[in-house]
Amino acid sequence: MDRKSLIRQYKEARRPMGVFQVRNTRTGRVFVGSSIDLPSILNRLRSQLRLGGHPDRALQEDWRSMGDDAFAFEVLDTLAPPDEPTYDPTDDLRTLEGLWRAKIAEAGGSLYNAPKRR
C-alpha cells in the first residue's frame, strides 16, 4: 500500500467511542467521562494531568501529590454506532455515562466529577 491510501484508511476508520474512567488506585476515587474517540481523550487527559492543566482541581491535586503511577486509565464501555451516516452519538454517550456514574455511586464509589448538589 502507498502512504496516501494508508492515511486515507486511517482517517476513514471508526475510532472506538464510549465511557472511560481515570481511577486513583490508592483511594479508589474515579473520574468518569465519555468520548467519541476513546484513545484520543485518554491521551489528552494524560497530557493535561502531566502538564498540570486538568480542569478538575481535586483530580489534578491527587495526580500532583501521588504521581502518575497511582492512576489507571480504563475503558468502561464502548458504543457500537449504527451504519447511519447521520448518527449523532452525543445523547447515547451521555446516557451511557450517566448509567456508569450511577453504577459506581451505587457500589459506594467516589467520583471526582460528581454532579454538584443544589
PDB file of N, CA and C in Angstrom:
ATOM      1  N   MET A   1       0.838  -1.183   0.000  1.00  0.00           N
ATOM      2  CA  MET A   1       0.000   0.000   0.000  1.00  0.00           C
ATOM      3  C   MET A   1       0.884   1.248   0.000  1.00  0.00           C
ATOM      4  N   ASP A   2       0.391   2.260  -0.656  1.00  0.00           N
ATOM      5  CA  ASP A   2       1.144   3.510  -0.641  1.00  0.00           C
ATOM      6  C   ASP A   2       0.732   4.371   0.561  1.00  0.00           C
ATOM      7  N   ARG A   3       1.508   5.370   0.834  1.00  0.00           N
ATOM      8  CA  ARG A   3       1.314   6.215   2.017  1.00  0.00           C
ATOM      9  C   ARG A   3      -0.045   6.918   2.004  1.00  0.00           C
ATOM     10  N   LYS A   4      -0.468   7.434   0.853  1.00  0.00           N
ATOM     11  CA  LYS A   4      -1.740   8.161   0.774  1.00  0.00           C
ATOM     12  C   LYS A   4      -2.919   7.249   1.108  1.00  0.00           C
ATOM     13  N   SER A   5      -2.892   6.038   0.617  1.00  0.00           N
ATOM     14  CA  SER A   5      -4.012   5.136   0.904  1.00  0.00           C
ATOM     15  C   SER A   5      -4.019   4.737   2.379  1.00  0.00           C
ATOM     16  N   LEU A   6      -2.853   4.596   2.998  1.00  0.00           N
ATOM     17  CA  LEU A   6      -2.799   4.295   4.424  1.00  0.00           C
ATOM     18  C   LEU A   6      -3.351   5.453   5.252  1.00  0.00           C
ATOM     19  N   ILE A   7      -3.029   6.669   4.877  1.00  0.00           N
ATOM     20  CA  ILE A   7      -3.552   7.847   5.579  1.00  0.00           C
ATOM     21  C   ILE A   7      -5.062   7.925   5.422  1.00  0.00           C
ATOM     22  N   ARG A   8      -5.556   7.717   4.208  1.00  0.00           N
ATOM     23  CA  ARG A   8      -6.996   7.752   3.959  1.00  0.00           C
ATOM     24  C   ARG A   8      -7.702   6.654   4.766  1.00  0.00           C
ATOM     25  N   GLN A   9      -7.120   5.484   4.785  1.00  0.00           N
ATOM     26  CA  GLN A   9      -7.690   4.362   5.526  1.00  0.00           C
ATOM     27  C   GLN A   9      -7.761   4.683   7.023  1.00  0.00           C
ATOM     28  N   TYR A  10      -6.715   5.305   7.555  1.00  0.00           N
ATOM     29  CA  TYR A  10      -6.700   5.692   8.959  1.00  0.00           C
ATOM     30  C   TYR A  10      -7.791   6.714   9.262  1.00  0.00           C
ATOM     31  N   LYS A  11      -7.924   7.715   8.413  1.00  0.00           N
ATOM     32  CA  LYS A  11      -8.917   8.768   8.627  1.00  0.00           C
ATOM     33  C   LYS A  11     -10.347   8.249   8.518  1.00  0.00           C
ATOM     34  N   GLU A  12     -10.565   7.254   7.686  1.00  0.00           N
ATOM     35  CA  GLU A  12     -11.905   6.710   7.493  1.00  0.00           C
ATOM     36  C   GLU A  12     -12.264   5.648   8.527  1.00  0.00           C
ATOM     37  N   ALA A  13     -11.275   5.129   9.230  1.00  0.00           N
ATOM     38  CA  ALA A  13     -11.533   4.095  10.229  1.00  0.00           C
ATOM     39  C   ALA A  13     -12.316   4.680  11.398  1.00  0.00           C
ATOM     40  N   ARG A  14     -13.249   3.913  11.893  1.00  0.00           N
ATOM     41  CA  ARG A  14     -14.026   4.361  13.049  1.00  0.00           C
ATOM     42  C   ARG A  14     -13.199   4.199  14.301  1.00  0.00           C
ATOM     43  N   ARG A  15     -13.185   5.235  15.094  1.00  0.00           N
ATOM     44  CA  ARG A  15     -12.486   5.205  16.366  1.00  0.00           C
ATOM     45  C   ARG A  15     -13.458   4.679  17.419  1.00  0.00           C
ATOM     46  N   PRO A  16     -12.968   3.908  18.380  1.00  0.00           N
ATOM     47  CA  PRO A  16     -13.876   3.411  19.422  1.00  0.00           C
ATOM     48  C   PRO A  16     -14.404   4.564  20.268  1.00  0.00           C
ATOM     49  N   MET A  17     -15.709   4.549  20.528  1.00  0.00           N
ATOM     50  CA  MET A  17     -16.331   5.568  21.370  1.00  0.00           C
ATOM     51  C   MET A  17     -16.985   4.882  22.554  1.00  0.00           C
ATOM     52  N   GLY A  18     -17.114   5.633  23.640  1.00  0.00           N
ATOM     53  CA  GLY A  18     -17.735   5.053  24.817  1.00  0.00           C
ATOM     54  C   GLY A  18     -17.421   5.817  26.082  1.00  0.00           C
ATOM     55  N   VAL A  19     -17.424   5.078  27.193  1.00  0.00           N
ATOM     56  CA  VAL A  19     -17.243   5.645  28.524  1.00  0.00           C
ATOM     57  C   VAL A  19     -15.912   5.155  29.089  1.00  0.00           C
ATOM     58  N   PHE A  20     -15.210   6.046  29.778  1.00  0.00           N
ATOM     59  CA  PHE A  20     -13.907   5.734  30.356  1.00  0.00           C
ATOM     60  C   PHE A  20     -13.857   6.201  31.798  1.00  0.00           C
ATOM     61  N   GLN A  21     -12.839   5.748  32.503  1.00  0.00           N
ATOM     62  CA  GLN A  21     -12.587   6.262  33.846  1.00  0.00           C
ATOM     63  C   GLN A  21     -11.090   6.442  34.055  1.00  0.00           C
ATOM     64  N   VAL A  22     -10.769   7.434  34.860  1.00  0.00           N
ATOM     65  CA  VAL A  22      -9.417   7.604  35.366  1.00  0.00           C
ATOM     66  C   VAL A  22      -9.551   7.253  36.845  1.00  0.00           C
ATOM     67  N   ARG A  23      -8.946   6.132  37.246  1.00  0.00           N
ATOM     68  CA  ARG A  23      -9.129   5.603  38.603  1.00  0.00           C
ATOM     69  C   ARG A  23      -7.873   5.808  39.438  1.00  0.00           C
ATOM     70  N   ASN A  24      -8.072   6.395  40.604  1.00  0.00           N
ATOM     71  CA  ASN A  24      -6.996   6.535  41.570  1.00  0.00           C
ATOM     72  C   ASN A  24      -6.877   5.181  42.264  1.00  0.00           C
ATOM     73  N   THR A  25      -5.780   4.471  42.022  1.00  0.00           N
ATOM     74  CA  THR A  25      -5.618   3.118  42.553  1.00  0.00           C
ATOM     75  C   THR A  25      -5.365   3.101  44.057  1.00  0.00           C
ATOM     76  N   ARG A  26      -5.031   4.236  44.629  1.00  0.00           N
ATOM     77  CA  ARG A  26      -4.783   4.297  46.080  1.00  0.00           C
ATOM     78  C   ARG A  26      -6.039   4.618  46.870  1.00  0.00           C
ATOM     79  N   THR A  27      -6.873   5.507  46.330  1.00  0.00           N
ATOM     80  CA  THR A  27      -8.080   5.917  47.063  1.00  0.00           C
ATOM     81  C   THR A  27      -9.351   5.286  46.495  1.00  0.00           C
ATOM     82  N   GLY A  28      -9.310   4.815  45.273  1.00  0.00           N
ATOM     83  CA  GLY A  28     -10.489   4.245  44.630  1.00  0.00           C
ATOM     84  C   GLY A  28     -11.381   5.287  43.971  1.00  0.00           C
ATOM     85  N   ARG A  29     -11.071   6.537  44.131  1.00  0.00           N
ATOM     86  CA  ARG A  29     -11.873   7.616  43.543  1.00  0.00           C
ATOM     87  C   ARG A  29     -11.683   7.625  42.031  1.00  0.00           C
ATOM     88  N   VAL A  30     -12.762   7.912  41.296  1.00  0.00           N
ATOM     89  CA  VAL A  30     -12.683   7.868  39.835  1.00  0.00           C
ATOM     90  C   VAL A  30     -13.222   9.133  39.177  1.00  0.00           C
ATOM     91  N   PHE A  31     -12.683   9.411  38.007  1.00  0.00           N
ATOM     92  CA  PHE A  31     -13.179  10.464  37.125  1.00  0.00           C
ATOM     93  C   PHE A  31     -13.804   9.732  35.952  1.00  0.00           C
ATOM     94  N   VAL A  32     -15.088   9.940  35.702  1.00  0.00           N
ATOM     95  CA  VAL A  32     -15.807   9.242  34.634  1.00  0.00           C
ATOM     96  C   VAL A  32     -16.157  10.226  33.534  1.00  0.00           C
ATOM     97  N   GLY A  33     -15.992   9.797  32.293  1.00  0.00           N
ATOM     98  CA  GLY A  33     -16.338  10.636  31.156  1.00  0.00           C
ATOM     99  C   GLY A  33     -16.679   9.790  29.951  1.00  0.00           C
ATOM    100  N   SER A  34     -17.054  10.450  28.865  1.00  0.00           N
ATOM    101  CA  SER A  34     -17.369   9.747  27.625  1.00  0.00           C
ATOM    102  C   SER A  34     -16.784  10.529  26.464  1.00  0.00           C
ATOM    103  N   SER A  35     -16.582   9.832  25.347  1.00  0.00           N
ATOM    104  CA  SER A  35     -15.990  10.478  24.187  1.00  0.00           C
ATOM    105  C   SER A  35     -16.319   9.697  22.919  1.00  0.00           C
ATOM    106  N   ILE A  36     -16.313  10.415  21.801  1.00  0.00           N
ATOM    107  CA  ILE A  36     -16.490   9.762  20.508  1.00  0.00           C
ATOM    108  C   ILE A  36     -15.168   9.173  20.014  1.00  0.00           C
ATOM    109  N   ASP A  37     -14.071   9.451  20.713  1.00  0.00           N
ATOM    110  CA  ASP A  37     -12.751   8.935  20.351  1.00  0.00           C
ATOM    111  C   ASP A  37     -11.988   8.597  21.636  1.00  0.00           C
ATOM    112  N   LEU A  38     -12.161   7.377  22.127  1.00  0.00           N
ATOM    113  CA  LEU A  38     -11.576   6.987  23.406  1.00  0.00           C
ATOM    114  C   LEU A  38     -10.041   7.077  23.448  1.00  0.00           C
ATOM    115  N   PRO A  39      -9.324   6.561  22.443  1.00  0.00           N
ATOM    116  CA  PRO A  39      -7.863   6.679  22.521  1.00  0.00           C
ATOM    117  C   PRO A  39      -7.394   8.131  22.618  1.00  0.00           C
ATOM    118  N   SER A  40      -8.032   9.018  21.874  1.00  0.00           N
ATOM    119  CA  SER A  40      -7.627  10.422  21.890  1.00  0.00           C
ATOM    120  C   SER A  40      -7.912  11.097  23.225  1.00  0.00           C
ATOM    121  N   ILE A  41      -9.081  10.848  23.804  1.00  0.00           N
ATOM    122  CA  ILE A  41      -9.418  11.516  25.063  1.00  0.00           C
ATOM    123  C   ILE A  41      -8.525  11.018  26.193  1.00  0.00           C
ATOM    124  N   LEU A  42      -8.211   9.728  26.206  1.00  0.00           N
ATOM    125  CA  LEU A  42      -7.341   9.204  27.254  1.00  0.00           C
ATOM    126  C   LEU A  42      -5.938   9.790  27.127  1.00  0.00           C
ATOM    127  N   ASN A  43      -5.483   9.952  25.911  1.00  0.00           N
ATOM    128  CA  ASN A  43      -4.194  10.591  25.649  1.00  0.00           C
ATOM    129  C   ASN A  43      -4.209  12.044  26.121  1.00  0.00           C
ATOM    130  N   ARG A  44      -5.284  12.740  25.801  1.00  0.00           N
ATOM    131  CA  ARG A  44      -5.409  14.150  26.181  1.00  0.00           C
ATOM    132  C   ARG A  44      -5.448  14.321  27.697  1.00  0.00           C
ATOM    133  N   LEU A  45      -6.195  13.445  28.383  1.00  0.00           N
ATOM    134  CA  LEU A  45      -6.270  13.531  29.839  1.00  0.00           C
ATOM    135  C   LEU A  45      -4.907  13.308  30.482  1.00  0.00           C
ATOM    136  N   ARG A  46      -4.166  12.330  29.979  1.00  0.00           N
ATOM    137  CA  ARG A  46      -2.811  12.092  30.499  1.00  0.00           C
ATOM    138  C   ARG A  46      -1.949  13.341  30.335  1.00  0.00           C
ATOM    139  N   SER A  47      -2.029  13.933  29.157  1.00  0.00           N
ATOM    140  CA  SER A  47      -1.238  15.141  28.890  1.00  0.00           C
ATOM    141  C   SER A  47      -1.652  16.291  29.804  1.00  0.00           C
ATOM    142  N   GLN A  48      -2.945  16.511  29.955  1.00  0.00           N
ATOM    143  CA  GLN A  48      -3.422  17.586  30.831  1.00  0.00           C
ATOM    144  C   GLN A  48      -2.924  17.386  32.258  1.00  0.00           C
ATOM    145  N   LEU A  49      -3.008  16.158  32.743  1.00  0.00           N
ATOM    146  CA  LEU A  49      -2.581  15.881  34.114  1.00  0.00           C
ATOM    147  C   LEU A  49      -1.069  16.043  34.263  1.00  0.00           C
ATOM    148  N   ARG A  50      -0.312  15.564  33.304  1.00  0.00           N
ATOM    149  CA  ARG A  50       1.151  15.701  33.372  1.00  0.00           C
ATOM    150  C   ARG A  50       1.599  17.156  33.334  1.00  0.00           C
ATOM    151  N   LEU A  51       0.869  17.964  32.566  1.00  0.00           N
ATOM    152  CA  LEU A  51       1.231  19.377  32.424  1.00  0.00           C
ATOM    153  C   LEU A  51       0.571  20.267  33.477  1.00  0.00           C
ATOM    154  N   GLY A  52      -0.269  19.678  34.326  1.00  0.00           N
ATOM    155  CA  GLY A  52      -0.912  20.442  35.393  1.00  0.00           C
ATOM    156  C   GLY A  52      -2.092  21.263  34.934  1.00  0.00           C
ATOM    157  N   GLY A  53      -2.716  20.883  33.834  1.00  0.00           N
ATOM    158  CA  GLY A  53      -3.805  21.687  33.293  1.00  0.00           C
ATOM    159  C   GLY A  53      -5.166  21.030  33.267  1.00  0.00           C
ATOM    160  N   HIS A  54      -5.383  20.003  34.069  1.00  0.00           N
ATOM    161  CA  HIS A  54      -6.702  19.366  34.056  1.00  0.00           C
ATOM    162  C   HIS A  54      -7.699  20.243  34.802  1.00  0.00           C
ATOM    163  N   PRO A  55      -8.906  20.427  34.273  1.00  0.00           N
ATOM    164  CA  PRO A  55      -9.878  21.323  34.908  1.00  0.00           C
ATOM    165  C   PRO A  55     -10.430  20.840  36.255  1.00  0.00           C
ATOM    166  N   ASP A  56     -10.397  19.535  36.520  1.00  0.00           N
ATOM    167  CA  ASP A  56     -10.875  19.043  37.813  1.00  0.00           C
ATOM    168  C   ASP A  56      -9.738  19.203  38.826  1.00  0.00           C
ATOM    169  N   ARG A  57      -9.898  20.149  39.728  1.00  0.00           N
ATOM    170  CA  ARG A  57      -8.817  20.504  40.651  1.00  0.00           C
ATOM    171  C   ARG A  57      -8.452  19.372  41.608  1.00  0.00           C
ATOM    172  N   ALA A  58      -9.447  18.637  42.087  1.00  0.00           N
ATOM    173  CA  ALA A  58      -9.166  17.548  43.031  1.00  0.00           C
ATOM    174  C   ALA A  58      -8.365  16.442  42.347  1.00  0.00           C
ATOM    175  N   LEU A  59      -8.743  16.094  41.142  1.00  0.00           N
ATOM    176  CA  LEU A  59      -8.013  15.082  40.376  1.00  0.00           C
ATOM    177  C   LEU A  59      -6.587  15.559  40.103  1.00  0.00           C
ATOM    178  N   GLN A  60      -6.450  16.795  39.683  1.00  0.00           N
ATOM    179  CA  GLN A  60      -5.129  17.339  39.388  1.00  0.00           C
ATOM    180  C   GLN A  60      -4.250  17.354  40.643  1.00  0.00           C
ATOM    181  N   GLU A  61      -4.813  17.720  41.772  1.00  0.00           N
ATOM    182  CA  GLU A  61      -4.046  17.761  43.014  1.00  0.00           C
ATOM    183  C   GLU A  61      -3.601  16.356  43.439  1.00  0.00           C
ATOM    184  N   ASP A  62      -4.489  15.372  43.316  1.00  0.00           N
ATOM    185  CA  ASP A  62      -4.108  13.995  43.646  1.00  0.00           C
ATOM    186  C   ASP A  62      -3.009  13.499  42.704  1.00  0.00           C
ATOM    187  N   TRP A  63      -3.116  13.842  41.427  1.00  0.00           N
ATOM    188  CA  TRP A  63      -2.087  13.461  40.457  1.00  0.00           C
ATOM    189  C   TRP A  63      -0.735  14.079  40.862  1.00  0.00           C
ATOM    190  N   ARG A  64      -0.777  15.344  41.226  1.00  0.00           N
ATOM    191  CA  ARG A  64       0.456  16.038  41.606  1.00  0.00           C
ATOM    192  C   ARG A  64       1.073  15.425  42.858  1.00  0.00           C
ATOM    193  N   SER A  65       0.250  15.111  43.842  1.00  0.00           N
ATOM    194  CA  SER A  65       0.778  14.609  45.111  1.00  0.00           C
ATOM    195  C   SER A  65       1.112  13.115  45.090  1.00  0.00           C
ATOM    196  N   MET A  66       0.400  12.322  44.310  1.00  0.00           N
ATOM    197  CA  MET A  66       0.610  10.873  44.318  1.00  0.00           C
ATOM    198  C   MET A  66       1.417  10.356  43.131  1.00  0.00           C
ATOM    199  N   GLY A  67       1.445  11.127  42.045  1.00  0.00           N
ATOM    200  CA  GLY A  67       2.187  10.697  40.864  1.00  0.00           C
ATOM    201  C   GLY A  67       1.349   9.871  39.906  1.00  0.00           C
ATOM    202  N   ASP A  68       1.858   9.751  38.686  1.00  0.00           N
ATOM    203  CA  ASP A  68       1.090   9.064  37.644  1.00  0.00           C
ATOM    204  C   ASP A  68       0.942   7.571  37.872  1.00  0.00           C
ATOM    205  N   ASP A  69       1.820   6.971  38.659  1.00  0.00           N
ATOM    206  CA  ASP A  69       1.708   5.534  38.900  1.00  0.00           C
ATOM    207  C   ASP A  69       0.534   5.182  39.812  1.00  0.00           C
ATOM    208  N   ALA A  70      -0.125   6.180  40.395  1.00  0.00           N
ATOM    209  CA  ALA A  70      -1.282   5.958  41.260  1.00  0.00           C
ATOM    210  C   ALA A  70      -2.596   5.985  40.480  1.00  0.00           C
ATOM    211  N   PHE A  71      -2.530   6.075  39.140  1.00  0.00           N
ATOM    212  CA  PHE A  71      -3.739   6.208  38.341  1.00  0.00           C
ATOM    213  C   PHE A  71      -3.787   5.184  37.213  1.00  0.00           C
ATOM    214  N   ALA A  72      -5.000   4.706  36.949  1.00  0.00           N
ATOM    215  CA  ALA A  72      -5.233   3.777  35.845  1.00  0.00           C
ATOM    216  C   ALA A  72      -6.264   4.400  34.906  1.00  0.00           C
ATOM    217  N   PHE A  73      -5.991   4.349  33.618  1.00  0.00           N
ATOM    218  CA  PHE A  73      -6.898   4.865  32.590  1.00  0.00           C
ATOM    219  C   PHE A  73      -7.581   3.663  31.957  1.00  0.00           C
ATOM    220  N   GLU A  74      -8.917   3.589  32.100  1.00  0.00           N
ATOM    221  CA  GLU A  74      -9.635   2.386  31.694  1.00  0.00           C
ATOM    222  C   GLU A  74     -10.888   2.712  30.883  1.00  0.00           C
ATOM    223  N   VAL A  75     -11.146   1.879  29.904  1.00  0.00           N
ATOM    224  CA  VAL A  75     -12.389   1.963  29.130  1.00  0.00           C
ATOM    225  C   VAL A  75     -13.419   1.116  29.866  1.00  0.00           C
ATOM    226  N   LEU A  76     -14.555   1.715  30.187  1.00  0.00           N
ATOM    227  CA  LEU A  76     -15.615   1.008  30.901  1.00  0.00           C
ATOM    228  C   LEU A  76     -16.606   0.350  29.960  1.00  0.00           C
ATOM    229  N   ASP A  77     -16.914   1.032  28.860  1.00  0.00           N
ATOM    230  CA  ASP A  77     -17.940   0.538  27.939  1.00  0.00           C
ATOM    231  C   ASP A  77     -17.744   1.191  26.584  1.00  0.00           C
ATOM    232  N   THR A  78     -18.037   0.460  25.536  1.00  0.00           N
ATOM    233  CA  THR A  78     -17.962   1.038  24.194  1.00  0.00           C
ATOM    234  C   THR A  78     -19.345   1.054  23.565  1.00  0.00           C
ATOM    235  N   LEU A  79     -19.504   1.950  22.633  1.00  0.00           N
ATOM    236  CA  LEU A  79     -20.770   2.128  21.937  1.00  0.00           C
ATOM    237  C   LEU A  79     -20.549   1.810  20.465  1.00  0.00           C
ATOM    238  N   ALA A  80     -21.292   0.844  19.961  1.00  0.00           N
ATOM    239  CA  ALA A  80     -21.191   0.484  18.550  1.00  0.00           C
ATOM    240  C   ALA A  80     -22.219   1.306  17.771  1.00  0.00           C
ATOM    241  N   PRO A  81     -21.753   2.200  16.910  1.00  0.00           N
ATOM    242  CA  PRO A  81     -22.690   3.055  16.177  1.00  0.00           C
ATOM    243  C   PRO A  81     -23.390   2.290  15.056  1.00  0.00           C
ATOM    244  N   PRO A  82     -24.623   2.665  14.770  1.00  0.00           N
ATOM    245  CA  PRO A  82     -25.291   2.069  13.618  1.00  0.00           C
ATOM    246  C   PRO A  82     -24.624   2.559  12.330  1.00  0.00           C
ATOM    247  N   ASP A  83     -24.903   1.904  11.237  1.00  0.00           N
ATOM    248  CA  ASP A  83     -24.287   2.280   9.958  1.00  0.00           C
ATOM    249  C   ASP A  83     -25.008   3.438   9.273  1.00  0.00           C
ATOM    250  N   GLU A  84     -25.509   4.365  10.057  1.00  0.00           N
ATOM    251  CA  GLU A  84     -26.179   5.540   9.505  1.00  0.00           C
ATOM    252  C   GLU A  84     -25.190   6.699   9.470  1.00  0.00           C
ATOM    253  N   PRO A  85     -24.991   7.323   8.326  1.00  0.00           N
ATOM    254  CA  PRO A  85     -24.025   8.423   8.252  1.00  0.00           C
ATOM    255  C   PRO A  85     -24.435   9.651   9.067  1.00  0.00           C
ATOM    256  N   THR A  86     -25.704   9.802   9.395  1.00  0.00           N
ATOM    257  CA  THR A  86     -26.169  10.984  10.128  1.00  0.00           C
ATOM    258  C   THR A  86     -26.275  10.733  11.638  1.00  0.00           C
ATOM    259  N   TYR A  87     -25.830   9.565  12.088  1.00  0.00           N
ATOM    260  CA  TYR A  87     -25.934   9.208  13.503  1.00  0.00           C
ATOM    261  C   TYR A  87     -25.112  10.163  14.369  1.00  0.00           C
ATOM    262  N   ASP A  88     -25.754  10.713  15.400  1.00  0.00           N
ATOM    263  CA  ASP A  88     -25.075  11.574  16.366  1.00  0.00           C
ATOM    264  C   ASP A  88     -25.078  10.848  17.719  1.00  0.00           C
ATOM    265  N   PRO A  89     -23.916  10.430  18.200  1.00  0.00           N
ATOM    266  CA  PRO A  89     -23.844   9.631  19.425  1.00  0.00           C
ATOM    267  C   PRO A  89     -23.934  10.428  20.723  1.00  0.00           C
ATOM    268  N   THR A  90     -24.059  11.730  20.657  1.00  0.00           N
ATOM    269  CA  THR A  90     -23.995  12.575  21.847  1.00  0.00           C
ATOM    270  C   THR A  90     -24.962  12.138  22.945  1.00  0.00           C
ATOM    271  N   ASP A  91     -26.225  11.983  22.624  1.00  0.00           N
ATOM    272  CA  ASP A  91     -27.213  11.606  23.638  1.00  0.00           C
ATOM    273  C   ASP A  91     -26.969  10.198  24.166  1.00  0.00           C
ATOM    274  N   ASP A  92     -26.612   9.267  23.288  1.00  0.00           N
ATOM    275  CA  ASP A  92     -26.346   7.892  23.714  1.00  0.00           C
ATOM    276  C   ASP A  92     -25.144   7.838  24.653  1.00  0.00           C
ATOM    277  N   LEU A  93     -24.098   8.600  24.335  1.00  0.00           N
ATOM    278  CA  LEU A  93     -22.917   8.625  25.196  1.00  0.00           C
ATOM    279  C   LEU A  93     -23.230   9.263  26.546  1.00  0.00           C
ATOM    280  N   ARG A  94     -24.012  10.322  26.538  1.00  0.00           N
ATOM    281  CA  ARG A  94     -24.397  10.992  27.784  1.00  0.00           C
ATOM    282  C   ARG A  94     -25.190  10.036  28.680  1.00  0.00           C
ATOM    283  N   THR A  95     -26.104   9.285  28.076  1.00  0.00           N
ATOM    284  CA  THR A  95     -26.910   8.318  28.824  1.00  0.00           C
ATOM    285  C   THR A  95     -26.041   7.210  29.391  1.00  0.00           C
ATOM    286  N   LEU A  96     -25.158   6.671  28.561  1.00  0.00           N
ATOM    287  CA  LEU A  96     -24.269   5.600  28.985  1.00  0.00           C
ATOM    288  C   LEU A  96     -23.345   6.064  30.121  1.00  0.00           C
ATOM    289  N   GLU A  97     -22.845   7.280  30.009  1.00  0.00           N
ATOM    290  CA  GLU A  97     -22.007   7.845  31.074  1.00  0.00           C
ATOM    291  C   GLU A  97     -22.802   7.977  32.368  1.00  0.00           C
ATOM    292  N   GLY A  98     -24.037   8.441  32.273  1.00  0.00           N
ATOM    293  CA  GLY A  98     -24.892   8.569  33.459  1.00  0.00           C
ATOM    294  C   GLY A  98     -25.150   7.231  34.122  1.00  0.00           C
ATOM    295  N   LEU A  99     -25.338   6.188  33.316  1.00  0.00           N
ATOM    296  CA  LEU A  99     -25.546   4.850  33.868  1.00  0.00           C
ATOM    297  C   LEU A  99     -24.307   4.369  34.630  1.00  0.00           C
ATOM    298  N   TRP A 100     -23.132   4.637  34.082  1.00  0.00           N
ATOM    299  CA  TRP A 100     -21.897   4.236  34.756  1.00  0.00           C
ATOM    300  C   TRP A 100     -21.675   5.036  36.037  1.00  0.00           C
ATOM    301  N   ARG A 101     -21.992   6.315  36.019  1.00  0.00           N
ATOM    302  CA  ARG A 101     -21.858   7.126  37.234  1.00  0.00           C
ATOM    303  C   ARG A 101     -22.768   6.576  38.330  1.00  0.00           C
ATOM    304  N   ALA A 102     -24.009   6.246  37.950  1.00  0.00           N
ATOM    305  CA  ALA A 102     -24.962   5.696  38.912  1.00  0.00           C
ATOM    306  C   ALA A 102     -24.483   4.341  39.439  1.00  0.00           C
ATOM    307  N   LYS A 103     -23.956   3.520  38.558  1.00  0.00           N
ATOM    308  CA  LYS A 103     -23.456   2.194  38.957  1.00  0.00           C
ATOM    309  C   LYS A 103     -22.307   2.332  39.950  1.00  0.00           C
ATOM    310  N   ILE A 104     -21.398   3.255  39.700  1.00  0.00           N
ATOM    311  CA  ILE A 104     -20.270   3.476  40.595  1.00  0.00           C
ATOM    312  C   ILE A 104     -20.760   4.013  41.939  1.00  0.00           C
ATOM    313  N   ALA A 105     -21.704   4.955  41.902  1.00  0.00           N
ATOM    314  CA  ALA A 105     -22.251   5.528  43.139  1.00  0.00           C
ATOM    315  C   ALA A 105     -22.980   4.466  43.963  1.00  0.00           C
ATOM    316  N   GLU A 106     -23.761   3.598  43.292  1.00  0.00           N
ATOM    317  CA  GLU A 106     -24.484   2.533  43.992  1.00  0.00           C
ATOM    318  C   GLU A 106     -23.532   1.553  44.662  1.00  0.00           C
ATOM    319  N   ALA A 107     -22.369   1.353  44.048  1.00  0.00           N
ATOM    320  CA  ALA A 107     -21.374   0.432  44.608  1.00  0.00           C
ATOM    321  C   ALA A 107     -20.555   1.093  45.715  1.00  0.00           C
ATOM    322  N   GLY A 108     -20.885   2.347  46.033  1.00  0.00           N
ATOM    323  CA  GLY A 108     -20.185   3.050  47.097  1.00  0.00           C
ATOM    324  C   GLY A 108     -18.928   3.757  46.639  1.00  0.00           C
ATOM    325  N   GLY A 109     -18.758   3.880  45.320  1.00  0.00           N
ATOM    326  CA  GLY A 109     -17.585   4.552  44.781  1.00  0.00           C
ATOM    327  C   GLY A 109     -17.676   6.061  44.905  1.00  0.00           C
ATOM    328  N   SER A 110     -16.531   6.680  44.866  1.00  0.00           N
ATOM    329  CA  SER A 110     -16.447   8.129  44.969  1.00  0.00           C
ATOM    330  C   SER A 110     -15.987   8.703  43.632  1.00  0.00           C
ATOM    331  N   LEU A 111     -16.695   9.730  43.168  1.00  0.00           N
ATOM    332  CA  LEU A 111     -16.391  10.349  41.879  1.00  0.00           C
ATOM    333  C   LEU A 111     -15.707  11.698  42.072  1.00  0.00           C
ATOM    334  N   TYR A 112     -14.661  11.926  41.293  1.00  0.00           N
ATOM    335  CA  TYR A 112     -14.052  13.257  41.267  1.00  0.00           C
ATOM    336  C   TYR A 112     -15.042  14.265  40.687  1.00  0.00           C
ATOM    337  N   ASN A 113     -15.683  13.868  39.594  1.00  0.00           N
ATOM    338  CA  ASN A 113     -16.556  14.784  38.890  1.00  0.00           C
ATOM    339  C   ASN A 113     -18.032  14.483  39.166  1.00  0.00           C
ATOM    340  N   ALA A 114     -18.363  14.297  40.428  1.00  0.00           N
ATOM    341  CA  ALA A 114     -19.751  14.082  40.828  1.00  0.00           C
ATOM    342  C   ALA A 114     -20.528  15.368  40.577  1.00  0.00           C
ATOM    343  N   PRO A 115     -21.812  15.236  40.201  1.00  0.00           N
ATOM    344  CA  PRO A 115     -22.597  16.454  39.987  1.00  0.00           C
ATOM    345  C   PRO A 115     -22.724  17.242  41.283  1.00  0.00           C
ATOM    346  N   LYS A 116     -22.671  18.555  41.148  1.00  0.00           N
ATOM    347  CA  LYS A 116     -22.801  19.442  42.313  1.00  0.00           C
ATOM    348  C   LYS A 116     -24.245  19.415  42.821  1.00  0.00           C
ATOM    349  N   ARG A 117     -24.397  19.340  44.119  1.00  0.00           N
ATOM    350  CA  ARG A 117     -25.752  19.361  44.703  1.00  0.00           C
ATOM    351  C   ARG A 117     -26.210  20.792  44.861  1.00  0.00           C
ATOM    352  N   ARG A 118     -27.488  21.011  44.619  1.00  0.00           N
ATOM    353  CA  ARG A 118     -28.037  22.366  44.702  1.00  0.00           C
ATOM    354  C   ARG A 118     -28.761  22.596  45.978  1.00  0.00           C
TER     355      ARG A 118
END
